[in-house]
ModelCIF file with pLDDT and N, C-alpha, C, O atoms, coordinates in Angstrom:
data_MODEL
#
_entry.id   MODEL 
#
_entity.id                         1 
_entity.type                       polymer 
_entity.pdbx_number_of_molecules   1 
#
_entity_poly.entity_id                      1 
_entity_poly.type                           'polypeptide(L)' 
_entity_poly.nstd_linkage                   no 
_entity_poly.nstd_monomer                   no 
_entity_poly.pdbx_seq_one_letter_code       RGRERKARLAEVASDTRTTVLFESPRRVAATIDDLRALCGPLR 
_entity_poly.pdbx_seq_one_letter_code_can   RGRERKARLAEVASDTRTTVLFESPRRVAATIDDLRALCGPLR 
_entity_poly.pdbx_strand_id                 A 
#
loop_
_entity_poly_seq.entity_id 
_entity_poly_seq.num 
_entity_poly_seq.mon_id 
_entity_poly_seq.hetero 
1 1  ARG n 
1 2  GLY n 
1 3  ARG n 
1 4  GLU n 
1 5  ARG n 
1 6  LYS n 
1 7  ALA n 
1 8  ARG n 
1 9  LEU n 
1 10 ALA n 
1 11 GLU n 
1 12 VAL n 
1 13 ALA n 
1 14 SER n 
1 15 ASP n 
1 16 THR n 
1 17 ARG n 
1 18 THR n 
1 19 THR n 
1 20 VAL n 
1 21 LEU n 
1 22 PHE n 
1 23 GLU n 
1 24 SER n 
1 25 PRO n 
1 26 ARG n 
1 27 ARG n 
1 28 VAL n 
1 29 ALA n 
1 30 ALA n 
1 31 THR n 
1 32 ILE n 
1 33 ASP n 
1 34 ASP n 
1 35 LEU n 
1 36 ARG n 
1 37 ALA n 
1 38 LEU n 
1 39 CYS n 
1 40 GLY n 
1 41 PRO n 
1 42 LEU n 
1 43 ARG n 
#
_struct_asym.id          A 
_struct_asym.entity_id   1 
#
loop_
_ma_qa_metric.id 
_ma_qa_metric.mode 
_ma_qa_metric.name 
_ma_qa_metric.software_group_id 
_ma_qa_metric.type 
1 global pLDDT . pLDDT 
2 local  pLDDT . pLDDT 
#
_ma_qa_metric_global.metric_id      1 
_ma_qa_metric_global.metric_value   93.42 
_ma_qa_metric_global.model_id       1 
_ma_qa_metric_global.ordinal_id     1 
#
loop_
_ma_qa_metric_local.label_asym_id 
_ma_qa_metric_local.label_comp_id 
_ma_qa_metric_local.label_seq_id 
_ma_qa_metric_local.metric_id 
_ma_qa_metric_local.metric_value 
_ma_qa_metric_local.model_id 
_ma_qa_metric_local.ordinal_id 
A ARG 1  2 89.00 1 1  
A GLY 2  2 91.00 1 2  
A ARG 3  2 93.00 1 3  
A GLU 4  2 94.00 1 4  
A ARG 5  2 95.00 1 5  
A LYS 6  2 94.00 1 6  
A ALA 7  2 95.00 1 7  
A ARG 8  2 95.00 1 8  
A LEU 9  2 95.00 1 9  
A ALA 10 2 93.00 1 10 
A GLU 11 2 95.00 1 11 
A VAL 12 2 95.00 1 12 
A ALA 13 2 93.00 1 13 
A SER 14 2 91.00 1 14 
A ASP 15 2 94.00 1 15 
A THR 16 2 93.00 1 16 
A ARG 17 2 96.00 1 17 
A THR 18 2 98.00 1 18 
A THR 19 2 98.00 1 19 
A VAL 20 2 98.00 1 20 
A LEU 21 2 97.00 1 21 
A PHE 22 2 95.00 1 22 
A GLU 23 2 94.00 1 23 
A SER 24 2 90.00 1 24 
A PRO 25 2 89.00 1 25 
A ARG 26 2 89.00 1 26 
A ARG 27 2 91.00 1 27 
A VAL 28 2 92.00 1 28 
A ALA 29 2 92.00 1 29 
A ALA 30 2 93.00 1 30 
A THR 31 2 95.00 1 31 
A ILE 32 2 95.00 1 32 
A ASP 33 2 94.00 1 33 
A ASP 34 2 95.00 1 34 
A LEU 35 2 95.00 1 35 
A ARG 36 2 93.00 1 36 
A ALA 37 2 92.00 1 37 
A LEU 38 2 92.00 1 38 
A CYS 39 2 91.00 1 39 
A GLY 40 2 91.00 1 40 
A PRO 41 2 91.00 1 41 
A LEU 42 2 92.00 1 42 
A ARG 43 2 94.00 1 43 
#
loop_
_atom_site.group_PDB 
_atom_site.id 
_atom_site.type_symbol 
_atom_site.label_atom_id 
_atom_site.label_alt_id 
_atom_site.label_comp_id 
_atom_site.label_asym_id 
_atom_site.label_entity_id 
_atom_site.label_seq_id 
_atom_site.pdbx_PDB_ins_code 
_atom_site.Cartn_x 
_atom_site.Cartn_y 
_atom_site.Cartn_z 
_atom_site.occupancy 
_atom_site.B_iso_or_equiv 
_atom_site.pdbx_formal_charge 
_atom_site.auth_seq_id 
_atom_site.auth_comp_id 
_atom_site.auth_asym_id 
_atom_site.auth_atom_id 
_atom_site.pdbx_PDB_model_num 
ATOM 1   N N  . ARG A 1 1  ? 5.531   -24.161 5.220  1.00 89.00 ? 1  ARG A N  1 
ATOM 2   C CA . ARG A 1 1  ? 5.628   -24.803 3.901  1.00 89.00 ? 1  ARG A CA 1 
ATOM 3   C C  . ARG A 1 1  ? 4.579   -25.903 3.776  1.00 89.00 ? 1  ARG A C  1 
ATOM 4   O O  . ARG A 1 1  ? 3.853   -26.207 4.722  1.00 89.00 ? 1  ARG A O  1 
ATOM 5   N N  . GLY A 1 2  ? 4.522   -26.489 2.586  1.00 91.00 ? 2  GLY A N  1 
ATOM 6   C CA . GLY A 1 2  ? 3.691   -27.659 2.359  1.00 91.00 ? 2  GLY A CA 1 
ATOM 7   C C  . GLY A 1 2  ? 2.218   -27.378 2.112  1.00 91.00 ? 2  GLY A C  1 
ATOM 8   O O  . GLY A 1 2  ? 1.801   -26.235 1.924  1.00 91.00 ? 2  GLY A O  1 
ATOM 9   N N  . ARG A 1 3  ? 1.444   -28.457 2.117  1.00 93.00 ? 3  ARG A N  1 
ATOM 10  C CA . ARG A 1 3  ? 0.022   -28.369 1.800  1.00 93.00 ? 3  ARG A CA 1 
ATOM 11  C C  . ARG A 1 3  ? -0.742  -27.512 2.797  1.00 93.00 ? 3  ARG A C  1 
ATOM 12  O O  . ARG A 1 3  ? -1.651  -26.769 2.424  1.00 93.00 ? 3  ARG A O  1 
ATOM 13  N N  . GLU A 1 4  ? -0.366  -27.620 4.069  1.00 94.00 ? 4  GLU A N  1 
ATOM 14  C CA . GLU A 1 4  ? -1.076  -26.851 5.088  1.00 94.00 ? 4  GLU A CA 1 
ATOM 15  C C  . GLU A 1 4  ? -0.932  -25.357 4.837  1.00 94.00 ? 4  GLU A C  1 
ATOM 16  O O  . GLU A 1 4  ? -1.888  -24.600 5.006  1.00 94.00 ? 4  GLU A O  1 
ATOM 17  N N  . ARG A 1 5  ? 0.266   -24.930 4.433  1.00 95.00 ? 5  ARG A N  1 
ATOM 18  C CA . ARG A 1 5  ? 0.461   -23.502 4.129  1.00 95.00 ? 5  ARG A CA 1 
ATOM 19  C C  . ARG A 1 5  ? -0.403  -23.087 2.938  1.00 95.00 ? 5  ARG A C  1 
ATOM 20  O O  . ARG A 1 5  ? -1.059  -22.046 2.981  1.00 95.00 ? 5  ARG A O  1 
ATOM 21  N N  . LYS A 1 6  ? -0.408  -23.890 1.882  1.00 94.00 ? 6  LYS A N  1 
ATOM 22  C CA . LYS A 1 6  ? -1.199  -23.558 0.699  1.00 94.00 ? 6  LYS A CA 1 
ATOM 23  C C  . LYS A 1 6  ? -2.683  -23.462 1.034  1.00 94.00 ? 6  LYS A C  1 
ATOM 24  O O  . LYS A 1 6  ? -3.389  -22.574 0.557  1.00 94.00 ? 6  LYS A O  1 
ATOM 25  N N  . ALA A 1 7  ? -3.141  -24.403 1.872  1.00 95.00 ? 7  ALA A N  1 
ATOM 26  C CA . ALA A 1 7  ? -4.557  -24.408 2.232  1.00 95.00 ? 7  ALA A CA 1 
ATOM 27  C C  . ALA A 1 7  ? -4.922  -23.168 3.052  1.00 95.00 ? 7  ALA A C  1 
ATOM 28  O O  . ALA A 1 7  ? -5.959  -22.548 2.818  1.00 95.00 ? 7  ALA A O  1 
ATOM 29  N N  . ARG A 1 8  ? -4.073  -22.814 4.005  1.00 95.00 ? 8  ARG A N  1 
ATOM 30  C CA . ARG A 1 8  ? -4.344  -21.647 4.845  1.00 95.00 ? 8  ARG A CA 1 
ATOM 31  C C  . ARG A 1 8  ? -4.293  -20.368 4.017  1.00 95.00 ? 8  ARG A C  1 
ATOM 32  O O  . ARG A 1 8  ? -5.125  -19.480 4.206  1.00 95.00 ? 8  ARG A O  1 
ATOM 33  N N  . LEU A 1 9  ? -3.334  -20.262 3.106  1.00 95.00 ? 9  LEU A N  1 
ATOM 34  C CA . LEU A 1 9  ? -3.237  -19.078 2.255  1.00 95.00 ? 9  LEU A CA 1 
ATOM 35  C C  . LEU A 1 9  ? -4.480  -18.929 1.387  1.00 95.00 ? 9  LEU A C  1 
ATOM 36  O O  . LEU A 1 9  ? -4.972  -17.820 1.178  1.00 95.00 ? 9  LEU A O  1 
ATOM 37  N N  . ALA A 1 10 ? -4.986  -20.057 0.880  1.00 93.00 ? 10 ALA A N  1 
ATOM 38  C CA . ALA A 1 10 ? -6.188  -20.018 0.049  1.00 93.00 ? 10 ALA A CA 1 
ATOM 39  C C  . ALA A 1 10 ? -7.386  -19.535 0.861  1.00 93.00 ? 10 ALA A C  1 
ATOM 40  O O  . ALA A 1 10 ? -8.216  -18.781 0.352  1.00 93.00 ? 10 ALA A O  1 
ATOM 41  N N  . GLU A 1 11 ? -7.482  -19.962 2.118  1.00 95.00 ? 11 GLU A N  1 
ATOM 42  C CA . GLU A 1 11 ? -8.575  -19.520 2.984  1.00 95.00 ? 11 GLU A CA 1 
ATOM 43  C C  . GLU A 1 11 ? -8.486  -18.017 3.247  1.00 95.00 ? 11 GLU A C  1 
ATOM 44  O O  . GLU A 1 11 ? -9.485  -17.299 3.198  1.00 95.00 ? 11 GLU A O  1 
ATOM 45  N N  . VAL A 1 12 ? -7.265  -17.561 3.527  1.00 95.00 ? 12 VAL A N  1 
ATOM 46  C CA . VAL A 1 12 ? -7.054  -16.143 3.794  1.00 95.00 ? 12 VAL A CA 1 
ATOM 47  C C  . VAL A 1 12 ? -7.422  -15.307 2.569  1.00 95.00 ? 12 VAL A C  1 
ATOM 48  O O  . VAL A 1 12 ? -8.062  -14.262 2.695  1.00 95.00 ? 12 VAL A O  1 
ATOM 49  N N  . ALA A 1 13 ? -7.018  -15.768 1.388  1.00 93.00 ? 13 ALA A N  1 
ATOM 50  C CA . ALA A 1 13 ? -7.247  -15.021 0.156  1.00 93.00 ? 13 ALA A CA 1 
ATOM 51  C C  . ALA A 1 13 ? -8.728  -14.837 -0.144 1.00 93.00 ? 13 ALA A C  1 
ATOM 52  O O  . ALA A 1 13 ? -9.115  -13.845 -0.761 1.00 93.00 ? 13 ALA A O  1 
ATOM 53  N N  . SER A 1 14 ? -9.563  -15.784 0.287  1.00 91.00 ? 14 SER A N  1 
ATOM 54  C CA . SER A 1 14 ? -10.991 -15.720 -0.036 1.00 91.00 ? 14 SER A CA 1 
ATOM 55  C C  . SER A 1 14 ? -11.848 -15.236 1.132  1.00 91.00 ? 14 SER A C  1 
ATOM 56  O O  . SER A 1 14 ? -13.075 -15.226 1.032  1.00 91.00 ? 14 SER A O  1 
ATOM 57  N N  . ASP A 1 15 ? -11.225 -14.839 2.227  1.00 94.00 ? 15 ASP A N  1 
ATOM 58  C CA . ASP A 1 15 ? -11.972 -14.450 3.420  1.00 94.00 ? 15 ASP A CA 1 
ATOM 59  C C  . ASP A 1 15 ? -12.645 -13.086 3.217  1.00 94.00 ? 15 ASP A C  1 
ATOM 60  O O  . ASP A 1 15 ? -12.030 -12.144 2.718  1.00 94.00 ? 15 ASP A O  1 
ATOM 61  N N  . THR A 1 16 ? -13.903 -13.004 3.610  1.00 93.00 ? 16 THR A N  1 
ATOM 62  C CA . THR A 1 16 ? -14.644 -11.750 3.484  1.00 93.00 ? 16 THR A CA 1 
ATOM 63  C C  . THR A 1 16 ? -14.424 -10.838 4.691  1.00 93.00 ? 16 THR A C  1 
ATOM 64  O O  . THR A 1 16 ? -15.009 -9.759  4.778  1.00 93.00 ? 16 THR A O  1 
ATOM 65  N N  . ARG A 1 17 ? -13.570 -11.284 5.624  1.00 96.00 ? 17 ARG A N  1 
ATOM 66  C CA . ARG A 1 17 ? -13.228 -10.465 6.780  1.00 96.00 ? 17 ARG A CA 1 
ATOM 67  C C  . ARG A 1 17 ? -11.812 -9.917  6.628  1.00 96.00 ? 17 ARG A C  1 
ATOM 68  O O  . ARG A 1 17 ? -11.014 -10.460 5.864  1.00 96.00 ? 17 ARG A O  1 
ATOM 69  N N  . THR A 1 18 ? -11.505 -8.861  7.343  1.00 98.00 ? 18 THR A N  1 
ATOM 70  C CA . THR A 1 18 ? -10.127 -8.386  7.432  1.00 98.00 ? 18 THR A CA 1 
ATOM 71  C C  . THR A 1 18 ? -9.313  -9.467  8.147  1.00 98.00 ? 18 THR A C  1 
ATOM 72  O O  . THR A 1 18 ? -9.772  -10.036 9.137  1.00 98.00 ? 18 THR A O  1 
ATOM 73  N N  . THR A 1 19 ? -8.117  -9.749  7.650  1.00 98.00 ? 19 THR A N  1 
ATOM 74  C CA . THR A 1 19 ? -7.291  -10.816 8.218  1.00 98.00 ? 19 THR A CA 1 
ATOM 75  C C  . THR A 1 19 ? -5.986  -10.250 8.764  1.00 98.00 ? 19 THR A C  1 
ATOM 76  O O  . THR A 1 19 ? -5.323  -9.440  8.117  1.00 98.00 ? 19 THR A O  1 
ATOM 77  N N  . VAL A 1 20 ? -5.631  -10.695 9.969  1.00 98.00 ? 20 VAL A N  1 
ATOM 78  C CA . VAL A 1 20 ? -4.403  -10.254 10.627 1.00 98.00 ? 20 VAL A CA 1 
ATOM 79  C C  . VAL A 1 20 ? -3.442  -11.437 10.725 1.00 98.00 ? 20 VAL A C  1 
ATOM 80  O O  . VAL A 1 20 ? -3.808  -12.508 11.209 1.00 98.00 ? 20 VAL A O  1 
ATOM 81  N N  . LEU A 1 21 ? -2.205  -11.229 10.258 1.00 97.00 ? 21 LEU A N  1 
ATOM 82  C CA . LEU A 1 21 ? -1.188  -12.274 10.263 1.00 97.00 ? 21 LEU A CA 1 
ATOM 83  C C  . LEU A 1 21 ? 0.059   -11.776 10.978 1.00 97.00 ? 21 LEU A C  1 
ATOM 84  O O  . LEU A 1 21 ? 0.377   -10.587 10.930 1.00 97.00 ? 21 LEU A O  1 
ATOM 85  N N  . PHE A 1 22 ? 0.768   -12.690 11.645 1.00 95.00 ? 22 PHE A N  1 
ATOM 86  C CA . PHE A 1 22 ? 2.101   -12.403 12.165 1.00 95.00 ? 22 PHE A CA 1 
ATOM 87  C C  . PHE A 1 22 ? 3.117   -12.989 11.199 1.00 95.00 ? 22 PHE A C  1 
ATOM 88  O O  . PHE A 1 22 ? 2.862   -14.027 10.589 1.00 95.00 ? 22 PHE A O  1 
ATOM 89  N N  . GLU A 1 23 ? 4.262   -12.340 11.052 1.00 94.00 ? 23 GLU A N  1 
ATOM 90  C CA . GLU A 1 23 ? 5.315   -12.910 10.205 1.00 94.00 ? 23 GLU A CA 1 
ATOM 91  C C  . GLU A 1 23 ? 6.677   -12.436 10.677 1.00 94.00 ? 23 GLU A C  1 
ATOM 92  O O  . GLU A 1 23 ? 6.827   -11.319 11.172 1.00 94.00 ? 23 GLU A O  1 
ATOM 93  N N  . SER A 1 24 ? 7.669   -13.306 10.515 1.00 90.00 ? 24 SER A N  1 
ATOM 94  C CA . SER A 1 24 ? 9.034   -12.952 10.896 1.00 90.00 ? 24 SER A CA 1 
ATOM 95  C C  . SER A 1 24 ? 9.662   -12.118 9.784  1.00 90.00 ? 24 SER A C  1 
ATOM 96  O O  . SER A 1 24 ? 9.218   -12.194 8.638  1.00 90.00 ? 24 SER A O  1 
ATOM 97  N N  . PRO A 1 25 ? 10.689  -11.323 10.098 1.00 89.00 ? 25 PRO A N  1 
ATOM 98  C CA . PRO A 1 25 ? 11.329  -10.499 9.063  1.00 89.00 ? 25 PRO A CA 1 
ATOM 99  C C  . PRO A 1 25 ? 11.949  -11.320 7.944  1.00 89.00 ? 25 PRO A C  1 
ATOM 100 O O  . PRO A 1 25 ? 12.061  -10.840 6.816  1.00 89.00 ? 25 PRO A O  1 
ATOM 101 N N  . ARG A 1 26 ? 12.352  -12.547 8.237  1.00 89.00 ? 26 ARG A N  1 
ATOM 102 C CA . ARG A 1 26 ? 12.987  -13.389 7.200  1.00 89.00 ? 26 ARG A CA 1 
ATOM 103 C C  . ARG A 1 26 ? 11.980  -13.915 6.190  1.00 89.00 ? 26 ARG A C  1 
ATOM 104 O O  . ARG A 1 26 ? 12.346  -14.208 5.052  1.00 89.00 ? 26 ARG A O  1 
ATOM 105 N N  . ARG A 1 27 ? 10.710  -14.040 6.588  1.00 91.00 ? 27 ARG A N  1 
ATOM 106 C CA . ARG A 1 27 ? 9.728   -14.665 5.715  1.00 91.00 ? 27 ARG A CA 1 
ATOM 107 C C  . ARG A 1 27 ? 8.650   -13.718 5.210  1.00 91.00 ? 27 ARG A C  1 
ATOM 108 O O  . ARG A 1 27 ? 7.778   -14.125 4.442  1.00 91.00 ? 27 ARG A O  1 
ATOM 109 N N  . VAL A 1 28 ? 8.701   -12.465 5.631  1.00 92.00 ? 28 VAL A N  1 
ATOM 110 C CA . VAL A 1 28 ? 7.616   -11.553 5.274  1.00 92.00 ? 28 VAL A CA 1 
ATOM 111 C C  . VAL A 1 28 ? 7.543   -11.337 3.762  1.00 92.00 ? 28 VAL A C  1 
ATOM 112 O O  . VAL A 1 28 ? 6.444   -11.253 3.212  1.00 92.00 ? 28 VAL A O  1 
ATOM 113 N N  . ALA A 1 29 ? 8.679   -11.247 3.083  1.00 92.00 ? 29 ALA A N  1 
ATOM 114 C CA . ALA A 1 29 ? 8.668   -11.019 1.627  1.00 92.00 ? 29 ALA A CA 1 
ATOM 115 C C  . ALA A 1 29 ? 8.026   -12.199 0.902  1.00 92.00 ? 29 ALA A C  1 
ATOM 116 O O  . ALA A 1 29 ? 7.245   -12.007 -0.029 1.00 92.00 ? 29 ALA A O  1 
ATOM 117 N N  . ALA A 1 30 ? 8.355   -13.425 1.328  1.00 93.00 ? 30 ALA A N  1 
ATOM 118 C CA . ALA A 1 30 ? 7.792   -14.619 0.691  1.00 93.00 ? 30 ALA A CA 1 
ATOM 119 C C  . ALA A 1 30 ? 6.287   -14.699 0.923  1.00 93.00 ? 30 ALA A C  1 
ATOM 120 O O  . ALA A 1 30 ? 5.539   -15.079 0.022  1.00 93.00 ? 30 ALA A O  1 
ATOM 121 N N  . THR A 1 31 ? 5.840   -14.345 2.124  1.00 95.00 ? 31 THR A N  1 
ATOM 122 C CA . THR A 1 31 ? 4.410   -14.386 2.421  1.00 95.00 ? 31 THR A CA 1 
ATOM 123 C C  . THR A 1 31 ? 3.649   -13.348 1.610  1.00 95.00 ? 31 THR A C  1 
ATOM 124 O O  . THR A 1 31 ? 2.568   -13.636 1.097  1.00 95.00 ? 31 THR A O  1 
ATOM 125 N N  . ILE A 1 32 ? 4.196   -12.153 1.488  1.00 95.00 ? 32 ILE A N  1 
ATOM 126 C CA . ILE A 1 32 ? 3.561   -11.122 0.668  1.00 95.00 ? 32 ILE A CA 1 
ATOM 127 C C  . ILE A 1 32 ? 3.462   -11.587 -0.784 1.00 95.00 ? 32 ILE A C  1 
ATOM 128 O O  . ILE A 1 32 ? 2.444   -11.372 -1.442 1.00 95.00 ? 32 ILE A O  1 
ATOM 129 N N  . ASP A 1 33 ? 4.519   -12.223 -1.279 1.00 94.00 ? 33 ASP A N  1 
ATOM 130 C CA . ASP A 1 33 ? 4.524   -12.702 -2.664 1.00 94.00 ? 33 ASP A CA 1 
ATOM 131 C C  . ASP A 1 33 ? 3.470   -13.793 -2.857 1.00 94.00 ? 33 ASP A C  1 
ATOM 132 O O  . ASP A 1 33 ? 2.784   -13.819 -3.879 1.00 94.00 ? 33 ASP A O  1 
ATOM 133 N N  . ASP A 1 34 ? 3.338   -14.699 -1.874 1.00 95.00 ? 34 ASP A N  1 
ATOM 134 C CA . ASP A 1 34 ? 2.322   -15.748 -1.955 1.00 95.00 ? 34 ASP A CA 1 
ATOM 135 C C  . ASP A 1 34 ? 0.912   -15.149 -1.944 1.00 95.00 ? 34 ASP A C  1 
ATOM 136 O O  . ASP A 1 34 ? 0.037   -15.591 -2.689 1.00 95.00 ? 34 ASP A O  1 
ATOM 137 N N  . LEU A 1 35 ? 0.705   -14.154 -1.106 1.00 95.00 ? 35 LEU A N  1 
ATOM 138 C CA . LEU A 1 35 ? -0.603  -13.504 -1.046 1.00 95.00 ? 35 LEU A CA 1 
ATOM 139 C C  . LEU A 1 35 ? -0.918  -12.781 -2.354 1.00 95.00 ? 35 LEU A C  1 
ATOM 140 O O  . LEU A 1 35 ? -2.055  -12.810 -2.826 1.00 95.00 ? 35 LEU A O  1 
ATOM 141 N N  . ARG A 1 36 ? 0.086   -12.137 -2.932 1.00 93.00 ? 36 ARG A N  1 
ATOM 142 C CA . ARG A 1 36 ? -0.117  -11.447 -4.211 1.00 93.00 ? 36 ARG A CA 1 
ATOM 143 C C  . ARG A 1 36 ? -0.536  -12.428 -5.295 1.00 93.00 ? 36 ARG A C  1 
ATOM 144 O O  . ARG A 1 36 ? -1.417  -12.135 -6.104 1.00 93.00 ? 36 ARG A O  1 
ATOM 145 N N  . ALA A 1 37 ? 0.109   -13.611 -5.304 1.00 92.00 ? 37 ALA A N  1 
ATOM 146 C CA . ALA A 1 37 ? -0.213  -14.603 -6.332 1.00 92.00 ? 37 ALA A CA 1 
ATOM 147 C C  . ALA A 1 37 ? -1.652  -15.095 -6.209 1.00 92.00 ? 37 ALA A C  1 
ATOM 148 O O  . ALA A 1 37 ? -2.292  -15.390 -7.218 1.00 92.00 ? 37 ALA A O  1 
ATOM 149 N N  . LEU A 1 38 ? -2.170  -15.189 -4.976 1.00 92.00 ? 38 LEU A N  1 
ATOM 150 C CA . LEU A 1 38 ? -3.513  -15.712 -4.763 1.00 92.00 ? 38 LEU A CA 1 
ATOM 151 C C  . LEU A 1 38 ? -4.586  -14.621 -4.795 1.00 92.00 ? 38 LEU A C  1 
ATOM 152 O O  . LEU A 1 38 ? -5.696  -14.859 -5.271 1.00 92.00 ? 38 LEU A O  1 
ATOM 153 N N  . CYS A 1 39 ? -4.262  -13.437 -4.297 1.00 91.00 ? 39 CYS A N  1 
ATOM 154 C CA . CYS A 1 39 ? -5.255  -12.360 -4.179 1.00 91.00 ? 39 CYS A CA 1 
ATOM 155 C C  . CYS A 1 39 ? -5.231  -11.390 -5.348 1.00 91.00 ? 39 CYS A C  1 
ATOM 156 O O  . CYS A 1 39 ? -6.187  -10.649 -5.574 1.00 91.00 ? 39 CYS A O  1 
ATOM 157 N N  . GLY A 1 40 ? -4.119  -11.403 -6.095 1.00 91.00 ? 40 GLY A N  1 
ATOM 158 C CA . GLY A 1 40 ? -3.969  -10.422 -7.159 1.00 91.00 ? 40 GLY A CA 1 
ATOM 159 C C  . GLY A 1 40 ? -3.204  -9.212  -6.661 1.00 91.00 ? 40 GLY A C  1 
ATOM 160 O O  . GLY A 1 40 ? -3.205  -8.935  -5.462 1.00 91.00 ? 40 GLY A O  1 
ATOM 161 N N  . PRO A 1 41 ? -2.547  -8.481  -7.561 1.00 91.00 ? 41 PRO A N  1 
ATOM 162 C CA . PRO A 1 41 ? -1.689  -7.370  -7.159 1.00 91.00 ? 41 PRO A CA 1 
ATOM 163 C C  . PRO A 1 41 ? -2.427  -6.144  -6.636 1.00 91.00 ? 41 PRO A C  1 
ATOM 164 O O  . PRO A 1 41 ? -1.808  -5.274  -6.023 1.00 91.00 ? 41 PRO A O  1 
ATOM 165 N N  . LEU A 1 42 ? -3.749  -6.054  -6.867 1.00 92.00 ? 42 LEU A N  1 
ATOM 166 C CA . LEU A 1 42 ? -4.485  -4.849  -6.475 1.00 92.00 ? 42 LEU A CA 1 
ATOM 167 C C  . LEU A 1 42 ? -5.130  -4.957  -5.093 1.00 92.00 ? 42 LEU A C  1 
ATOM 168 O O  . LEU A 1 42 ? -5.700  -3.979  -4.608 1.00 92.00 ? 42 LEU A O  1 
ATOM 169 N N  . ARG A 1 43 ? -5.052  -6.116  -4.454 1.00 94.00 ? 43 ARG A N  1 
ATOM 170 C CA . ARG A 1 43 ? -5.638  -6.287  -3.107 1.00 94.00 ? 43 ARG A CA 1 
ATOM 171 C C  . ARG A 1 43 ? -4.885  -5.403  -2.123 1.00 94.00 ? 43 ARG A C  1 
ATOM 172 O O  . ARG A 1 43 ? -5.208  -5.389  -0.935 1.00 94.00 ? 43 ARG A O  1 
#
C-alpha cells in the first residue's frame, strides 16, 4: 500500500521490458486491477 506501491506500479506500467511479479492469492485480484488502471485494459 501507500506511495511506494503507487510509484512501483507506475514504473512497471511504463517499463519497455517484460516484467515479472510475485503475488499472493489474496492480493492478486487487486494487483491486476491496479495494473489495468495504469496500463489500460488491452495490455
